[in-house]
Amino acid sequence: LWEARSVTGQMIALDGGQHLAWQTPDVTGMVE
């Protein structure tokens, strides 16, 4: 299943981290 996690990381980069922004603690400071 570790492979599925790899795909999620790529999706975040494609989505600009907006799709999983609410799940990423690093975005907390980026959110408006």
Protein backbone atom coordinates (compact mmCIF):
# COMPACT_ATOMS: atom_id res chain seq x y z
CA LEU A 1 0.00 0.00 0.00
CA TRP A 2 3.04 2.24 0.35
CA GLU A 3 2.71 2.76 -3.38
CA ALA A 4 -0.66 4.44 -2.91
CA ARG A 5 1.04 7.00 -0.67
CA SER A 6 3.52 7.78 -3.44
CA VAL A 7 0.64 8.59 -5.78
CA THR A 8 -0.92 10.92 -3.21
CA GLY A 9 2.32 12.88 -3.00
CA GLN A 10 2.29 13.34 -6.77
CA MET A 11 -1.37 14.39 -6.76
CA ILE A 12 -0.57 17.08 -4.20
CA ALA A 13 2.13 18.49 -6.47
CA LEU A 14 -0.24 18.45 -9.45
CA ASP A 15 -3.07 20.00 -7.45
CA GLY A 16 -0.69 22.52 -5.96
CA GLY A 17 -1.35 21.10 -2.49
CA GLN A 18 -4.84 22.61 -2.51
CA HIS A 19 -6.71 19.31 -2.49
CA LEU A 20 -4.86 18.10 0.59
CA ALA A 21 -4.09 21.57 1.92
CA TRP A 22 -6.47 21.00 4.82
CA GLN A 23 -4.54 17.84 5.60
CA THR A 24 -1.05 19.31 5.36
CA PRO A 25 0.26 21.14 8.45
CA ASP A 26 2.69 23.01 6.22
CA VAL A 27 -0.18 24.72 4.42
CA THR A 28 -1.70 26.04 7.65
CA GLY A 29 0.60 29.05 7.27
CA MET A 30 -0.14 29.29 3.55
CA VAL A 31 -3.93 29.32 3.84
CA GLU A 32 -5.46 32.78 3.58
